Amino acid sequence: SERRPELIPWMVKEEHRLAYPVAMLRVEDRRRRGEIVRTTDLERLDAWKARLKDDGLVVHYDPDTAGGFWLVPKREGIDEDMIRVPDHPTSSTWE
């Protein structure tokens, strides 16, 4: 099925592709597209999303850092989903 860039609008470097935040964004994308997702992945996703919401955080990607993915404060009125809206998305397709 077609992958959409809404949740991962970045060109993700090879060394960051297994990071937990991007793994969870992939699970959320599959869930939103109605694909079958393992119960354990959904449980992990739900817990992770609850933490983001409770702490007011979103996922940010900085390819020039060792970890790549960071949880940063949500900007009200800008970051309406699970990610920090990038100034310039680097990908029109997934990875």
PDB file of N, CA and C in Angstrom:
ATOM      1  N   SER A   1       0.842  -1.197   0.000  1.00  0.00           N
ATOM      2  CA  SER A   1       0.000   0.000   0.000  1.00  0.00           C
ATOM      3  C   SER A   1       0.878   1.249   0.000  1.00  0.00           C
ATOM      4  N   GLU A   2       0.293   2.345  -0.390  1.00  0.00           N
ATOM      5  CA  GLU A   2       1.050   3.592  -0.506  1.00  0.00           C
ATOM      6  C   GLU A   2       1.384   4.157   0.868  1.00  0.00           C
ATOM      7  N   ARG A   3       2.617   4.548   1.048  1.00  0.00           N
ATOM      8  CA  ARG A   3       3.033   5.154   2.312  1.00  0.00           C
ATOM      9  C   ARG A   3       2.924   6.668   2.168  1.00  0.00           C
ATOM     10  N   ARG A   4       2.463   7.285   3.240  1.00  0.00           N
ATOM     11  CA  ARG A   4       2.275   8.731   3.223  1.00  0.00           C
ATOM     12  C   ARG A   4       3.315   9.406   4.101  1.00  0.00           C
ATOM     13  N   PRO A   5       3.739  10.611   3.747  1.00  0.00           N
ATOM     14  CA  PRO A   5       4.785  11.287   4.512  1.00  0.00           C
ATOM     15  C   PRO A   5       4.294  12.121   5.697  1.00  0.00           C
ATOM     16  N   GLU A   6       3.008  12.070   6.026  1.00  0.00           N
ATOM     17  CA  GLU A   6       2.502  12.946   7.086  1.00  0.00           C
ATOM     18  C   GLU A   6       3.219  12.746   8.417  1.00  0.00           C
ATOM     19  N   LEU A   7       3.512  11.501   8.770  1.00  0.00           N
ATOM     20  CA  LEU A   7       4.136  11.231  10.055  1.00  0.00           C
ATOM     21  C   LEU A   7       5.658  11.138   9.988  1.00  0.00           C
ATOM     22  N   ILE A   8       6.201  10.914   8.794  1.00  0.00           N
ATOM     23  CA  ILE A   8       7.661  10.844   8.647  1.00  0.00           C
ATOM     24  C   ILE A   8       8.048  11.653   7.410  1.00  0.00           C
ATOM     25  N   PRO A   9       8.050  12.992   7.559  1.00  0.00           N
ATOM     26  CA  PRO A   9       8.312  13.858   6.398  1.00  0.00           C
ATOM     27  C   PRO A   9       9.799  14.132   6.169  1.00  0.00           C
ATOM     28  N   TRP A  10      10.649  13.246   6.712  1.00  0.00           N
ATOM     29  CA  TRP A  10      12.086  13.469   6.624  1.00  0.00           C
ATOM     30  C   TRP A  10      12.752  12.355   5.843  1.00  0.00           C
ATOM     31  N   MET A  11      13.889  12.675   5.227  1.00  0.00           N
ATOM     32  CA  MET A  11      14.772  11.642   4.684  1.00  0.00           C
ATOM     33  C   MET A  11      15.541  11.125   5.900  1.00  0.00           C
ATOM     34  N   VAL A  12      15.197   9.921   6.340  1.00  0.00           N
ATOM     35  CA  VAL A  12      15.797   9.374   7.560  1.00  0.00           C
ATOM     36  C   VAL A  12      17.097   8.653   7.208  1.00  0.00           C
ATOM     37  N   LYS A  13      18.157   9.062   7.893  1.00  0.00           N
ATOM     38  CA  LYS A  13      19.456   8.438   7.659  1.00  0.00           C
ATOM     39  C   LYS A  13      19.420   6.970   8.087  1.00  0.00           C
ATOM     40  N   GLU A  14      20.220   6.181   7.403  1.00  0.00           N
ATOM     41  CA  GLU A  14      20.304   4.740   7.684  1.00  0.00           C
ATOM     42  C   GLU A  14      20.498   4.455   9.171  1.00  0.00           C
ATOM     43  N   GLU A  15      21.396   5.201   9.816  1.00  0.00           N
ATOM     44  CA  GLU A  15      21.712   4.920  11.221  1.00  0.00           C
ATOM     45  C   GLU A  15      20.580   5.280  12.192  1.00  0.00           C
ATOM     46  N   HIS A  16      19.558   5.971  11.706  1.00  0.00           N
ATOM     47  CA  HIS A  16      18.437   6.364  12.566  1.00  0.00           C
ATOM     48  C   HIS A  16      17.162   5.567  12.293  1.00  0.00           C
ATOM     49  N   ARG A  17      17.186   4.689  11.306  1.00  0.00           N
ATOM     50  CA  ARG A  17      15.952   4.025  10.866  1.00  0.00           C
ATOM     51  C   ARG A  17      15.372   3.036  11.855  1.00  0.00           C
ATOM     52  N   LEU A  18      16.145   2.623  12.853  1.00  0.00           N
ATOM     53  CA  LEU A  18      15.626   1.688  13.851  1.00  0.00           C
ATOM     54  C   LEU A  18      15.307   2.372  15.176  1.00  0.00           C
ATOM     55  N   ALA A  19      15.403   3.688  15.228  1.00  0.00           N
ATOM     56  CA  ALA A  19      15.116   4.424  16.464  1.00  0.00           C
ATOM     57  C   ALA A  19      13.659   4.214  16.890  1.00  0.00           C
ATOM     58  N   TYR A  20      13.450   4.136  18.191  1.00  0.00           N
ATOM     59  CA  TYR A  20      12.107   3.869  18.717  1.00  0.00           C
ATOM     60  C   TYR A  20      11.054   4.864  18.225  1.00  0.00           C
ATOM     61  N   PRO A  21      11.323   6.183  18.258  1.00  0.00           N
ATOM     62  CA  PRO A  21      10.278   7.112  17.798  1.00  0.00           C
ATOM     63  C   PRO A  21       9.832   6.860  16.364  1.00  0.00           C
ATOM     64  N   VAL A  22      10.757   6.592  15.452  1.00  0.00           N
ATOM     65  CA  VAL A  22      10.359   6.366  14.062  1.00  0.00           C
ATOM     66  C   VAL A  22       9.659   5.016  13.925  1.00  0.00           C
ATOM     67  N   ALA A  23      10.047   4.051  14.739  1.00  0.00           N
ATOM     68  CA  ALA A  23       9.342   2.759  14.726  1.00  0.00           C
ATOM     69  C   ALA A  23       7.886   2.961  15.151  1.00  0.00           C
ATOM     70  N   MET A  24       7.671   3.772  16.174  1.00  0.00           N
ATOM     71  CA  MET A  24       6.305   4.034  16.643  1.00  0.00           C
ATOM     72  C   MET A  24       5.515   4.839  15.608  1.00  0.00           C
ATOM     73  N   LEU A  25       6.167   5.776  14.931  1.00  0.00           N
ATOM     74  CA  LEU A  25       5.475   6.527  13.877  1.00  0.00           C
ATOM     75  C   LEU A  25       5.060   5.605  12.738  1.00  0.00           C
ATOM     76  N   ARG A  26       5.889   4.611  12.433  1.00  0.00           N
ATOM     77  CA  ARG A  26       5.521   3.648  11.389  1.00  0.00           C
ATOM     78  C   ARG A  26       4.304   2.829  11.804  1.00  0.00           C
ATOM     79  N   VAL A  27       4.271   2.406  13.083  1.00  0.00           N
ATOM     80  CA  VAL A  27       3.124   1.634  13.581  1.00  0.00           C
ATOM     81  C   VAL A  27       1.862   2.492  13.503  1.00  0.00           C
ATOM     82  N   GLU A  28       1.958   3.756  13.916  1.00  0.00           N
ATOM     83  CA  GLU A  28       0.795   4.654  13.857  1.00  0.00           C
ATOM     84  C   GLU A  28       0.329   4.837  12.417  1.00  0.00           C
ATOM     85  N   ASP A  29       1.269   4.966  11.494  1.00  0.00           N
ATOM     86  CA  ASP A  29       0.899   5.119  10.090  1.00  0.00           C
ATOM     87  C   ASP A  29       0.157   3.879   9.595  1.00  0.00           C
ATOM     88  N   ARG A  30       0.664   2.696   9.944  1.00  0.00           N
ATOM     89  CA  ARG A  30      -0.019   1.461   9.535  1.00  0.00           C
ATOM     90  C   ARG A  30      -1.417   1.395  10.149  1.00  0.00           C
ATOM     91  N   ARG A  31      -1.519   1.771  11.415  1.00  0.00           N
ATOM     92  CA  ARG A  31      -2.822   1.765  12.085  1.00  0.00           C
ATOM     93  C   ARG A  31      -3.791   2.705  11.377  1.00  0.00           C
ATOM     94  N   ARG A  32      -3.341   3.907  11.042  1.00  0.00           N
ATOM     95  CA  ARG A  32      -4.206   4.887  10.376  1.00  0.00           C
ATOM     96  C   ARG A  32      -4.651   4.432   8.993  1.00  0.00           C
ATOM     97  N   ARG A  33      -3.815   3.631   8.344  1.00  0.00           N
ATOM     98  CA  ARG A  33      -4.169   3.137   7.019  1.00  0.00           C
ATOM     99  C   ARG A  33      -5.032   1.887   7.078  1.00  0.00           C
ATOM    100  N   GLY A  34      -5.341   1.437   8.300  1.00  0.00           N
ATOM    101  CA  GLY A  34      -6.211   0.287   8.459  1.00  0.00           C
ATOM    102  C   GLY A  34      -5.525  -1.049   8.262  1.00  0.00           C
ATOM    103  N   GLU A  35      -4.193  -1.047   8.291  1.00  0.00           N
ATOM    104  CA  GLU A  35      -3.472  -2.307   8.163  1.00  0.00           C
ATOM    105  C   GLU A  35      -3.529  -3.073   9.480  1.00  0.00           C
ATOM    106  N   ILE A  36      -3.319  -4.365   9.406  1.00  0.00           N
ATOM    107  CA  ILE A  36      -3.277  -5.188  10.615  1.00  0.00           C
ATOM    108  C   ILE A  36      -1.981  -4.887  11.354  1.00  0.00           C
ATOM    109  N   VAL A  37      -2.116  -4.572  12.645  1.00  0.00           N
ATOM    110  CA  VAL A  37      -0.964  -4.272  13.484  1.00  0.00           C
ATOM    111  C   VAL A  37      -1.019  -5.211  14.686  1.00  0.00           C
ATOM    112  N   ARG A  38       0.118  -5.781  15.030  1.00  0.00           N
ATOM    113  CA  ARG A  38       0.167  -6.717  16.162  1.00  0.00           C
ATOM    114  C   ARG A  38      -0.301  -6.038  17.442  1.00  0.00           C
ATOM    115  N   THR A  39      -0.984  -6.811  18.279  1.00  0.00           N
ATOM    116  CA  THR A  39      -1.497  -6.303  19.549  1.00  0.00           C
ATOM    117  C   THR A  39      -0.378  -5.715  20.404  1.00  0.00           C
ATOM    118  N   THR A  40       0.768  -6.383  20.450  1.00  0.00           N
ATOM    119  CA  THR A  40       1.880  -5.869  21.263  1.00  0.00           C
ATOM    120  C   THR A  40       2.359  -4.520  20.744  1.00  0.00           C
ATOM    121  N   ASP A  41       2.382  -4.350  19.415  1.00  0.00           N
ATOM    122  CA  ASP A  41       2.777  -3.060  18.844  1.00  0.00           C
ATOM    123  C   ASP A  41       1.757  -1.979  19.171  1.00  0.00           C
ATOM    124  N   LEU A  42       0.463  -2.337  19.127  1.00  0.00           N
ATOM    125  CA  LEU A  42      -0.580  -1.354  19.457  1.00  0.00           C
ATOM    126  C   LEU A  42      -0.495  -0.950  20.921  1.00  0.00           C
ATOM    127  N   GLU A  43      -0.223  -1.912  21.807  1.00  0.00           N
ATOM    128  CA  GLU A  43      -0.095  -1.593  23.230  1.00  0.00           C
ATOM    129  C   GLU A  43       1.087  -0.661  23.469  1.00  0.00           C
ATOM    130  N   ARG A  44       2.195  -0.958  22.820  1.00  0.00           N
ATOM    131  CA  ARG A  44       3.387  -0.108  22.933  1.00  0.00           C
ATOM    132  C   ARG A  44       3.090   1.287  22.398  1.00  0.00           C
ATOM    133  N   LEU A  45       2.416   1.337  21.239  1.00  0.00           N
ATOM    134  CA  LEU A  45       2.057   2.609  20.619  1.00  0.00           C
ATOM    135  C   LEU A  45       1.148   3.426  21.532  1.00  0.00           C
ATOM    136  N   ASP A  46       0.119   2.791  22.080  1.00  0.00           N
ATOM    137  CA  ASP A  46      -0.822   3.508  22.949  1.00  0.00           C
ATOM    138  C   ASP A  46      -0.109   4.097  24.167  1.00  0.00           C
ATOM    139  N   ALA A  47       0.785   3.329  24.765  1.00  0.00           N
ATOM    140  CA  ALA A  47       1.520   3.824  25.936  1.00  0.00           C
ATOM    141  C   ALA A  47       2.426   4.989  25.551  1.00  0.00           C
ATOM    142  N   TRP A  48       3.082   4.869  24.409  1.00  0.00           N
ATOM    143  CA  TRP A  48       3.989   5.916  23.944  1.00  0.00           C
ATOM    144  C   TRP A  48       3.228   7.196  23.608  1.00  0.00           C
ATOM    145  N   LYS A  49       2.093   7.046  22.917  1.00  0.00           N
ATOM    146  CA  LYS A  49       1.278   8.214  22.577  1.00  0.00           C
ATOM    147  C   LYS A  49       0.728   8.886  23.827  1.00  0.00           C
ATOM    148  N   ALA A  50       0.365   8.109  24.829  1.00  0.00           N
ATOM    149  CA  ALA A  50      -0.126   8.687  26.092  1.00  0.00           C
ATOM    150  C   ALA A  50       0.976   9.499  26.759  1.00  0.00           C
ATOM    151  N   ARG A  51       2.209   8.999  26.711  1.00  0.00           N
ATOM    152  CA  ARG A  51       3.329   9.752  27.290  1.00  0.00           C
ATOM    153  C   ARG A  51       3.531  11.064  26.547  1.00  0.00           C
ATOM    154  N   LEU A  52       3.509  11.005  25.209  1.00  0.00           N
ATOM    155  CA  LEU A  52       3.657  12.236  24.431  1.00  0.00           C
ATOM    156  C   LEU A  52       2.584  13.246  24.822  1.00  0.00           C
ATOM    157  N   LYS A  53       1.335  12.777  24.869  1.00  0.00           N
ATOM    158  CA  LYS A  53       0.222  13.675  25.176  1.00  0.00           C
ATOM    159  C   LYS A  53       0.340  14.241  26.587  1.00  0.00           C
ATOM    160  N   ASP A  54       0.610  13.371  27.556  1.00  0.00           N
ATOM    161  CA  ASP A  54       0.704  13.805  28.952  1.00  0.00           C
ATOM    162  C   ASP A  54       1.822  14.818  29.162  1.00  0.00           C
ATOM    163  N   ASP A  55       2.923  14.626  28.438  1.00  0.00           N
ATOM    164  CA  ASP A  55       4.085  15.500  28.602  1.00  0.00           C
ATOM    165  C   ASP A  55       4.108  16.661  27.608  1.00  0.00           C
ATOM    166  N   GLY A  56       3.106  16.717  26.694  1.00  0.00           N
ATOM    167  CA  GLY A  56       3.048  17.801  25.715  1.00  0.00           C
ATOM    168  C   GLY A  56       4.206  17.764  24.729  1.00  0.00           C
ATOM    169  N   LEU A  57       4.570  16.550  24.286  1.00  0.00           N
ATOM    170  CA  LEU A  57       5.727  16.388  23.417  1.00  0.00           C
ATOM    171  C   LEU A  57       5.341  15.898  22.027  1.00  0.00           C
ATOM    172  N   VAL A  58       6.221  16.160  21.077  1.00  0.00           N
ATOM    173  CA  VAL A  58       6.102  15.656  19.710  1.00  0.00           C
ATOM    174  C   VAL A  58       7.481  15.169  19.274  1.00  0.00           C
ATOM    175  N   VAL A  59       7.515  14.418  18.183  1.00  0.00           N
ATOM    176  CA  VAL A  59       8.776  13.883  17.660  1.00  0.00           C
ATOM    177  C   VAL A  59       9.409  14.895  16.711  1.00  0.00           C
ATOM    178  N   HIS A  60      10.697  15.127  16.914  1.00  0.00           N
ATOM    179  CA  HIS A  60      11.490  15.995  16.042  1.00  0.00           C
ATOM    180  C   HIS A  60      12.659  15.167  15.513  1.00  0.00           C
ATOM    181  N   TYR A  61      13.024  15.388  14.252  1.00  0.00           N
ATOM    182  CA  TYR A  61      14.166  14.679  13.671  1.00  0.00           C
ATOM    183  C   TYR A  61      15.250  15.656  13.278  1.00  0.00           C
ATOM    184  N   ASP A  62      16.447  15.410  13.781  1.00  0.00           N
ATOM    185  CA  ASP A  62      17.624  16.188  13.406  1.00  0.00           C
ATOM    186  C   ASP A  62      18.683  15.203  12.920  1.00  0.00           C
ATOM    187  N   PRO A  63      18.828  15.078  11.598  1.00  0.00           N
ATOM    188  CA  PRO A  63      19.739  14.071  11.047  1.00  0.00           C
ATOM    189  C   PRO A  63      21.195  14.295  11.406  1.00  0.00           C
ATOM    190  N   ASP A  64      21.542  15.488  11.864  1.00  0.00           N
ATOM    191  CA  ASP A  64      22.933  15.793  12.173  1.00  0.00           C
ATOM    192  C   ASP A  64      23.313  15.500  13.616  1.00  0.00           C
ATOM    193  N   THR A  65      22.443  14.794  14.344  1.00  0.00           N
ATOM    194  CA  THR A  65      22.748  14.408  15.721  1.00  0.00           C
ATOM    195  C   THR A  65      22.877  12.888  15.786  1.00  0.00           C
ATOM    196  N   ALA A  66      23.563  12.396  16.813  1.00  0.00           N
ATOM    197  CA  ALA A  66      23.799  10.953  16.938  1.00  0.00           C
ATOM    198  C   ALA A  66      22.490  10.177  17.056  1.00  0.00           C
ATOM    199  N   GLY A  67      21.569  10.678  17.886  1.00  0.00           N
ATOM    200  CA  GLY A  67      20.311   9.969  18.097  1.00  0.00           C
ATOM    201  C   GLY A  67      19.305  10.177  16.994  1.00  0.00           C
ATOM    202  N   GLY A  68      19.385  11.320  16.333  1.00  0.00           N
ATOM    203  CA  GLY A  68      18.468  11.622  15.238  1.00  0.00           C
ATOM    204  C   GLY A  68      17.111  12.105  15.699  1.00  0.00           C
ATOM    205  N   PHE A  69      16.412  11.279  16.467  1.00  0.00           N
ATOM    206  CA  PHE A  69      15.051  11.611  16.890  1.00  0.00           C
ATOM    207  C   PHE A  69      15.031  12.120  18.320  1.00  0.00           C
ATOM    208  N   TRP A  70      14.217  13.157  18.537  1.00  0.00           N
ATOM    209  CA  TRP A  70      14.106  13.801  19.839  1.00  0.00           C
ATOM    210  C   TRP A  70      12.643  14.049  20.152  1.00  0.00           C
ATOM    211  N   LEU A  71      12.302  14.000  21.420  1.00  0.00           N
ATOM    212  CA  LEU A  71      10.971  14.403  21.865  1.00  0.00           C
ATOM    213  C   LEU A  71      11.100  15.832  22.353  1.00  0.00           C
ATOM    214  N   VAL A  72      10.329  16.719  21.737  1.00  0.00           N
ATOM    215  CA  VAL A  72      10.429  18.150  22.028  1.00  0.00           C
ATOM    216  C   VAL A  72       9.051  18.699  22.373  1.00  0.00           C
ATOM    217  N   PRO A  73       8.986  19.848  23.046  1.00  0.00           N
ATOM    218  CA  PRO A  73       7.684  20.418  23.404  1.00  0.00           C
ATOM    219  C   PRO A  73       6.829  20.724  22.179  1.00  0.00           C
ATOM    220  N   LYS A  74       5.568  20.379  22.290  1.00  0.00           N
ATOM    221  CA  LYS A  74       4.593  20.658  21.233  1.00  0.00           C
ATOM    222  C   LYS A  74       4.360  22.163  21.164  1.00  0.00           C
ATOM    223  N   ARG A  75       4.318  22.699  19.944  1.00  0.00           N
ATOM    224  CA  ARG A  75       4.019  24.125  19.766  1.00  0.00           C
ATOM    225  C   ARG A  75       2.520  24.237  19.487  1.00  0.00           C
ATOM    226  N   GLU A  76       1.809  24.881  20.391  1.00  0.00           N
ATOM    227  CA  GLU A  76       0.354  25.020  20.252  1.00  0.00           C
ATOM    228  C   GLU A  76       0.011  25.717  18.946  1.00  0.00           C
ATOM    229  N   GLY A  77      -0.965  25.171  18.247  1.00  0.00           N
ATOM    230  CA  GLY A  77      -1.415  25.762  17.000  1.00  0.00           C
ATOM    231  C   GLY A  77      -0.543  25.434  15.794  1.00  0.00           C
ATOM    232  N   ILE A  78       0.572  24.749  16.030  1.00  0.00           N
ATOM    233  CA  ILE A  78       1.472  24.390  14.931  1.00  0.00           C
ATOM    234  C   ILE A  78       1.602  22.870  14.832  1.00  0.00           C
ATOM    235  N   ASP A  79       2.028  22.257  15.927  1.00  0.00           N
ATOM    236  CA  ASP A  79       2.267  20.819  15.942  1.00  0.00           C
ATOM    237  C   ASP A  79       0.998  20.103  16.394  1.00  0.00           C
ATOM    238  N   GLU A  80       0.111  19.857  15.448  1.00  0.00           N
ATOM    239  CA  GLU A  80      -1.202  19.297  15.782  1.00  0.00           C
ATOM    240  C   GLU A  80      -1.258  17.777  15.767  1.00  0.00           C
ATOM    241  N   ASP A  81      -0.185  17.129  15.296  1.00  0.00           N
ATOM    242  CA  ASP A  81      -0.172  15.676  15.255  1.00  0.00           C
ATOM    243  C   ASP A  81       0.932  15.189  16.185  1.00  0.00           C
ATOM    244  N   MET A  82       1.596  14.112  15.844  1.00  0.00           N
ATOM    245  CA  MET A  82       2.606  13.516  16.710  1.00  0.00           C
ATOM    246  C   MET A  82       4.014  14.019  16.432  1.00  0.00           C
ATOM    247  N   ILE A  83       4.182  14.840  15.399  1.00  0.00           N
ATOM    248  CA  ILE A  83       5.527  15.295  15.038  1.00  0.00           C
ATOM    249  C   ILE A  83       5.628  16.816  15.086  1.00  0.00           C
ATOM    250  N   ARG A  84       6.862  17.290  15.242  1.00  0.00           N
ATOM    251  CA  ARG A  84       7.130  18.714  15.085  1.00  0.00           C
ATOM    252  C   ARG A  84       7.089  18.998  13.595  1.00  0.00           C
ATOM    253  N   VAL A  85       6.238  19.915  13.196  1.00  0.00           N
ATOM    254  CA  VAL A  85       6.114  20.254  11.782  1.00  0.00           C
ATOM    255  C   VAL A  85       7.440  20.846  11.320  1.00  0.00           C
ATOM    256  N   PRO A  86       8.069  20.210  10.327  1.00  0.00           N
ATOM    257  CA  PRO A  86       9.369  20.733   9.871  1.00  0.00           C
ATOM    258  C   PRO A  86       9.189  22.000   9.043  1.00  0.00           C
ATOM    259  N   ASP A  87      10.175  22.891   9.131  1.00  0.00           N
ATOM    260  CA  ASP A  87      10.145  24.100   8.301  1.00  0.00           C
ATOM    261  C   ASP A  87      10.206  23.720   6.834  1.00  0.00           C
ATOM    262  N   HIS A  88      11.003  22.712   6.528  1.00  0.00           N
ATOM    263  CA  HIS A  88      11.168  22.260   5.148  1.00  0.00           C
ATOM    264  C   HIS A  88      11.201  20.742   5.133  1.00  0.00           C
ATOM    265  N   PRO A  89      10.066  20.085   4.854  1.00  0.00           N
ATOM    266  CA  PRO A  89      10.084  18.622   4.775  1.00  0.00           C
ATOM    267  C   PRO A  89      11.137  18.177   3.751  1.00  0.00           C
ATOM    268  N   THR A  90      11.833  17.086   4.077  1.00  0.00           N
ATOM    269  CA  THR A  90      12.893  16.630   3.184  1.00  0.00           C
ATOM    270  C   THR A  90      12.488  15.417   2.357  1.00  0.00           C
ATOM    271  N   SER A  91      11.254  14.986   2.520  1.00  0.00           N
ATOM    272  CA  SER A  91      10.829  13.806   1.767  1.00  0.00           C
ATOM    273  C   SER A  91       9.386  13.956   1.344  1.00  0.00           C
ATOM    274  N   SER A  92       9.104  13.626   0.094  1.00  0.00           N
ATOM    275  CA  SER A  92       7.711  13.615  -0.348  1.00  0.00           C
ATOM    276  C   SER A  92       7.180  12.199  -0.288  1.00  0.00           C
ATOM    277  N   THR A  93       8.068  11.270   0.007  1.00  0.00           N
ATOM    278  CA  THR A  93       7.659   9.874   0.212  1.00  0.00           C
ATOM    279  C   THR A  93       8.371   9.349   1.436  1.00  0.00           C
ATOM    280  N   TRP A  94       7.926   8.233   1.900  1.00  0.00           N
ATOM    281  CA  TRP A  94       8.590   7.619   3.067  1.00  0.00           C
ATOM    282  C   TRP A  94       9.968   7.172   2.702  1.00  0.00           C
ATOM    283  N   GLU A  95      10.920   7.462   3.534  1.00  0.00           N
ATOM    284  CA  GLU A  95      12.273   6.913   3.494  1.00  0.00           C
ATOM    285  C   GLU A  95      12.641   6.446   2.113  1.00  0.00           C
TER     286      GLU A  95
END
